[in-house]
Amino acid sequence: MNNENLVIYIIVVLCLGAVLIMSKDKLPPRLKRGMALTAVVLIAFAFIFIIYSLLA
């Protein structure tokens, strides 16, 4: 696995999570659940990729 791509992905996902947390009051209710689920899934994948890169 290319470590540069992994680092960029992790930074982008964590920034997405931070932006979502900071703007949670401004989002319409219909988008809150979908954006939160998407962010949780992407952050979970980021942590799985971190563990995988440490073990590989």
PDB file of N, CA and C in Angstrom:
ATOM      1  N   MET A   1       0.849  -1.181   0.000  1.00  0.00           N
ATOM      2  CA  MET A   1       0.000   0.000   0.000  1.00  0.00           C
ATOM      3  C   MET A   1       0.890   1.239   0.000  1.00  0.00           C
ATOM      4  N   ASN A   2       0.508   2.224  -0.785  1.00  0.00           N
ATOM      5  CA  ASN A   2       1.273   3.454  -0.892  1.00  0.00           C
ATOM      6  C   ASN A   2       1.015   4.317   0.349  1.00  0.00           C
ATOM      7  N   ASN A   3       2.079   4.594   1.101  1.00  0.00           N
ATOM      8  CA  ASN A   3       1.919   5.333   2.349  1.00  0.00           C
ATOM      9  C   ASN A   3       1.556   6.796   2.136  1.00  0.00           C
ATOM     10  N   GLU A   4       1.989   7.386   1.040  1.00  0.00           N
ATOM     11  CA  GLU A   4       1.643   8.785   0.777  1.00  0.00           C
ATOM     12  C   GLU A   4       0.139   8.940   0.579  1.00  0.00           C
ATOM     13  N   ASN A   5      -0.455   8.040  -0.183  1.00  0.00           N
ATOM     14  CA  ASN A   5      -1.904   8.085  -0.388  1.00  0.00           C
ATOM     15  C   ASN A   5      -2.647   7.845   0.913  1.00  0.00           C
ATOM     16  N   LEU A   6      -2.128   6.963   1.730  1.00  0.00           N
ATOM     17  CA  LEU A   6      -2.764   6.665   3.017  1.00  0.00           C
ATOM     18  C   LEU A   6      -2.742   7.880   3.935  1.00  0.00           C
ATOM     19  N   VAL A   7      -1.628   8.574   3.988  1.00  0.00           N
ATOM     20  CA  VAL A   7      -1.510   9.762   4.839  1.00  0.00           C
ATOM     21  C   VAL A   7      -2.457  10.859   4.357  1.00  0.00           C
ATOM     22  N   ILE A   8      -2.534  11.053   3.047  1.00  0.00           N
ATOM     23  CA  ILE A   8      -3.443  12.062   2.503  1.00  0.00           C
ATOM     24  C   ILE A   8      -4.889  11.695   2.820  1.00  0.00           C
ATOM     25  N   TYR A   9      -5.242  10.429   2.661  1.00  0.00           N
ATOM     26  CA  TYR A   9      -6.603   9.973   2.963  1.00  0.00           C
ATOM     27  C   TYR A   9      -6.948  10.207   4.434  1.00  0.00           C
ATOM     28  N   ILE A  10      -6.047   9.877   5.324  1.00  0.00           N
ATOM     29  CA  ILE A  10      -6.293  10.042   6.759  1.00  0.00           C
ATOM     30  C   ILE A  10      -6.473  11.512   7.110  1.00  0.00           C
ATOM     31  N   ILE A  11      -5.638  12.369   6.560  1.00  0.00           N
ATOM     32  CA  ILE A  11      -5.757  13.806   6.839  1.00  0.00           C
ATOM     33  C   ILE A  11      -7.085  14.350   6.326  1.00  0.00           C
ATOM     34  N   VAL A  12      -7.468  13.963   5.128  1.00  0.00           N
ATOM     35  CA  VAL A  12      -8.720  14.450   4.553  1.00  0.00           C
ATOM     36  C   VAL A  12      -9.922  13.952   5.346  1.00  0.00           C
ATOM     37  N   VAL A  13      -9.901  12.704   5.753  1.00  0.00           N
ATOM     38  CA  VAL A  13     -11.029  12.146   6.509  1.00  0.00           C
ATOM     39  C   VAL A  13     -11.143  12.805   7.880  1.00  0.00           C
ATOM     40  N   LEU A  14     -10.042  13.017   8.547  1.00  0.00           N
ATOM     41  CA  LEU A  14     -10.098  13.659   9.854  1.00  0.00           C
ATOM     42  C   LEU A  14     -10.539  15.116   9.737  1.00  0.00           C
ATOM     43  N   CYS A  15     -10.130  15.789   8.669  1.00  0.00           N
ATOM     44  CA  CYS A  15     -10.616  17.158   8.436  1.00  0.00           C
ATOM     45  C   CYS A  15     -12.116  17.161   8.153  1.00  0.00           C
ATOM     46  N   LEU A  16     -12.595  16.192   7.385  1.00  0.00           N
ATOM     47  CA  LEU A  16     -14.030  16.074   7.134  1.00  0.00           C
ATOM     48  C   LEU A  16     -14.797  15.891   8.441  1.00  0.00           C
ATOM     49  N   GLY A  17     -14.290  15.019   9.325  1.00  0.00           N
ATOM     50  CA  GLY A  17     -14.930  14.824  10.623  1.00  0.00           C
ATOM     51  C   GLY A  17     -14.936  16.089  11.455  1.00  0.00           C
ATOM     52  N   ALA A  18     -13.841  16.836  11.434  1.00  0.00           N
ATOM     53  CA  ALA A  18     -13.768  18.084  12.204  1.00  0.00           C
ATOM     54  C   ALA A  18     -14.732  19.131  11.648  1.00  0.00           C
ATOM     55  N   VAL A  19     -14.781  19.258  10.330  1.00  0.00           N
ATOM     56  CA  VAL A  19     -15.705  20.214   9.715  1.00  0.00           C
ATOM     57  C   VAL A  19     -17.147  19.834  10.010  1.00  0.00           C
ATOM     58  N   LEU A  20     -17.447  18.552   9.965  1.00  0.00           N
ATOM     59  CA  LEU A  20     -18.799  18.090  10.254  1.00  0.00           C
ATOM     60  C   LEU A  20     -19.184  18.381  11.696  1.00  0.00           C
ATOM     61  N   ILE A  21     -18.267  18.187  12.626  1.00  0.00           N
ATOM     62  CA  ILE A  21     -18.547  18.468  14.035  1.00  0.00           C
ATOM     63  C   ILE A  21     -18.736  19.968  14.256  1.00  0.00           C
ATOM     64  N   MET A  22     -17.904  20.785  13.603  1.00  0.00           N
ATOM     65  CA  MET A  22     -18.001  22.230  13.804  1.00  0.00           C
ATOM     66  C   MET A  22     -19.248  22.834  13.161  1.00  0.00           C
ATOM     67  N   SER A  23     -19.758  22.218  12.102  1.00  0.00           N
ATOM     68  CA  SER A  23     -20.906  22.792  11.403  1.00  0.00           C
ATOM     69  C   SER A  23     -22.181  21.977  11.604  1.00  0.00           C
ATOM     70  N   LYS A  24     -22.270  21.219  12.681  1.00  0.00           N
ATOM     71  CA  LYS A  24     -23.439  20.351  12.865  1.00  0.00           C
ATOM     72  C   LYS A  24     -24.725  21.131  13.084  1.00  0.00           C
ATOM     73  N   ASP A  25     -24.650  22.352  13.601  1.00  0.00           N
ATOM     74  CA  ASP A  25     -25.862  23.137  13.826  1.00  0.00           C
ATOM     75  C   ASP A  25     -26.358  23.813  12.561  1.00  0.00           C
ATOM     76  N   LYS A  26     -25.492  23.967  11.574  1.00  0.00           N
ATOM     77  CA  LYS A  26     -25.853  24.676  10.345  1.00  0.00           C
ATOM     78  C   LYS A  26     -26.432  23.756   9.277  1.00  0.00           C
ATOM     79  N   LEU A  27     -26.245  22.449   9.421  1.00  0.00           N
ATOM     80  CA  LEU A  27     -26.736  21.517   8.413  1.00  0.00           C
ATOM     81  C   LEU A  27     -28.235  21.298   8.567  1.00  0.00           C
ATOM     82  N   PRO A  28     -28.936  21.125   7.444  1.00  0.00           N
ATOM     83  CA  PRO A  28     -30.352  20.773   7.548  1.00  0.00           C
ATOM     84  C   PRO A  28     -30.504  19.371   8.141  1.00  0.00           C
ATOM     85  N   PRO A  29     -31.621  19.126   8.820  1.00  0.00           N
ATOM     86  CA  PRO A  29     -31.793  17.823   9.489  1.00  0.00           C
ATOM     87  C   PRO A  29     -31.694  16.623   8.556  1.00  0.00           C
ATOM     88  N   ARG A  30     -32.099  16.781   7.294  1.00  0.00           N
ATOM     89  CA  ARG A  30     -32.054  15.646   6.370  1.00  0.00           C
ATOM     90  C   ARG A  30     -30.619  15.245   6.043  1.00  0.00           C
ATOM     91  N   LEU A  31     -29.695  16.209   6.053  1.00  0.00           N
ATOM     92  CA  LEU A  31     -28.311  15.904   5.713  1.00  0.00           C
ATOM     93  C   LEU A  31     -27.481  15.451   6.909  1.00  0.00           C
ATOM     94  N   LYS A  32     -27.913  15.770   8.110  1.00  0.00           N
ATOM     95  CA  LYS A  32     -27.114  15.455   9.299  1.00  0.00           C
ATOM     96  C   LYS A  32     -26.832  13.966   9.427  1.00  0.00           C
ATOM     97  N   ARG A  33     -27.846  13.153   9.311  1.00  0.00           N
ATOM     98  CA  ARG A  33     -27.675  11.715   9.499  1.00  0.00           C
ATOM     99  C   ARG A  33     -26.792  11.113   8.413  1.00  0.00           C
ATOM    100  N   GLY A  34     -27.024  11.481   7.167  1.00  0.00           N
ATOM    101  CA  GLY A  34     -26.230  10.942   6.067  1.00  0.00           C
ATOM    102  C   GLY A  34     -24.770  11.355   6.138  1.00  0.00           C
ATOM    103  N   MET A  35     -24.533  12.624   6.436  1.00  0.00           N
ATOM    104  CA  MET A  35     -23.150  13.103   6.556  1.00  0.00           C
ATOM    105  C   MET A  35     -22.457  12.446   7.744  1.00  0.00           C
ATOM    106  N   ALA A  36     -23.172  12.294   8.851  1.00  0.00           N
ATOM    107  CA  ALA A  36     -22.569  11.662  10.026  1.00  0.00           C
ATOM    108  C   ALA A  36     -22.225  10.206   9.744  1.00  0.00           C
ATOM    109  N   LEU A  37     -23.115   9.483   9.103  1.00  0.00           N
ATOM    110  CA  LEU A  37     -22.838   8.080   8.766  1.00  0.00           C
ATOM    111  C   LEU A  37     -21.662   7.965   7.806  1.00  0.00           C
ATOM    112  N   THR A  38     -21.621   8.825   6.817  1.00  0.00           N
ATOM    113  CA  THR A  38     -20.507   8.811   5.866  1.00  0.00           C
ATOM    114  C   THR A  38     -19.187   9.096   6.563  1.00  0.00           C
ATOM    115  N   ALA A  39     -19.179  10.096   7.441  1.00  0.00           N
ATOM    116  CA  ALA A  39     -17.953  10.438   8.163  1.00  0.00           C
ATOM    117  C   ALA A  39     -17.507   9.303   9.072  1.00  0.00           C
ATOM    118  N   VAL A  40     -18.445   8.659   9.751  1.00  0.00           N
ATOM    119  CA  VAL A  40     -18.094   7.549  10.644  1.00  0.00           C
ATOM    120  C   VAL A  40     -17.497   6.391   9.854  1.00  0.00           C
ATOM    121  N   VAL A  41     -18.092   6.077   8.727  1.00  0.00           N
ATOM    122  CA  VAL A  41     -17.573   4.971   7.903  1.00  0.00           C
ATOM    123  C   VAL A  41     -16.173   5.305   7.379  1.00  0.00           C
ATOM    124  N   LEU A  42     -15.980   6.533   6.898  1.00  0.00           N
ATOM    125  CA  LEU A  42     -14.665   6.912   6.370  1.00  0.00           C
ATOM    126  C   LEU A  42     -13.602   6.940   7.467  1.00  0.00           C
ATOM    127  N   ILE A  43     -13.960   7.420   8.652  1.00  0.00           N
ATOM    128  CA  ILE A  43     -13.007   7.438   9.768  1.00  0.00           C
ATOM    129  C   ILE A  43     -12.682   6.020  10.218  1.00  0.00           C
ATOM    130  N   ALA A  44     -13.681   5.141  10.220  1.00  0.00           N
ATOM    131  CA  ALA A  44     -13.425   3.739  10.567  1.00  0.00           C
ATOM    132  C   ALA A  44     -12.462   3.101   9.565  1.00  0.00           C
ATOM    133  N   PHE A  45     -12.673   3.372   8.276  1.00  0.00           N
ATOM    134  CA  PHE A  45     -11.750   2.859   7.265  1.00  0.00           C
ATOM    135  C   PHE A  45     -10.342   3.419   7.471  1.00  0.00           C
ATOM    136  N   ALA A  46     -10.240   4.681   7.861  1.00  0.00           N
ATOM    137  CA  ALA A  46      -8.922   5.273   8.090  1.00  0.00           C
ATOM    138  C   ALA A  46      -8.192   4.541   9.209  1.00  0.00           C
ATOM    139  N   PHE A  47      -8.896   4.251  10.294  1.00  0.00           N
ATOM    140  CA  PHE A  47      -8.248   3.527  11.389  1.00  0.00           C
ATOM    141  C   PHE A  47      -7.906   2.090  11.002  1.00  0.00           C
ATOM    142  N   ILE A  48      -8.751   1.460  10.199  1.00  0.00           N
ATOM    143  CA  ILE A  48      -8.435   0.113   9.717  1.00  0.00           C
ATOM    144  C   ILE A  48      -7.182   0.158   8.846  1.00  0.00           C
ATOM    145  N   PHE A  49      -7.075   1.166   7.983  1.00  0.00           N
ATOM    146  CA  PHE A  49      -5.884   1.299   7.136  1.00  0.00           C
ATOM    147  C   PHE A  49      -4.633   1.580   7.962  1.00  0.00           C
ATOM    148  N   ILE A  50      -4.769   2.349   9.038  1.00  0.00           N
ATOM    149  CA  ILE A  50      -3.621   2.607   9.920  1.00  0.00           C
ATOM    150  C   ILE A  50      -3.138   1.305  10.545  1.00  0.00           C
ATOM    151  N   ILE A  51      -4.066   0.514  11.074  1.00  0.00           N
ATOM    152  CA  ILE A  51      -3.705  -0.768  11.689  1.00  0.00           C
ATOM    153  C   ILE A  51      -3.074  -1.683  10.651  1.00  0.00           C
ATOM    154  N   TYR A  52      -3.674  -1.735   9.454  1.00  0.00           N
ATOM    155  CA  TYR A  52      -3.138  -2.586   8.399  1.00  0.00           C
ATOM    156  C   TYR A  52      -1.725  -2.186   7.998  1.00  0.00           C
ATOM    157  N   SER A  53      -1.484  -0.877   7.895  1.00  0.00           N
ATOM    158  CA  SER A  53      -0.139  -0.426   7.504  1.00  0.00           C
ATOM    159  C   SER A  53       0.890  -0.692   8.599  1.00  0.00           C
ATOM    160  N   LEU A  54       0.457  -0.689   9.846  1.00  0.00           N
ATOM    161  CA  LEU A  54       1.394  -0.999  10.939  1.00  0.00           C
ATOM    162  C   LEU A  54       1.747  -2.489  10.976  1.00  0.00           C
ATOM    163  N   LEU A  55       0.779  -3.337  10.614  1.00  0.00           N
ATOM    164  CA  LEU A  55       1.006  -4.779  10.665  1.00  0.00           C
ATOM    165  C   LEU A  55       1.669  -5.310   9.407  1.00  0.00           C
ATOM    166  N   ALA A  56       1.535  -4.614   8.301  1.00  0.00           N
ATOM    167  CA  ALA A  56       2.078  -5.105   7.026  1.00  0.00           C
ATOM    168  C   ALA A  56       3.525  -4.706   6.848  1.00  0.00           C
TER     169      ALA A  56
END
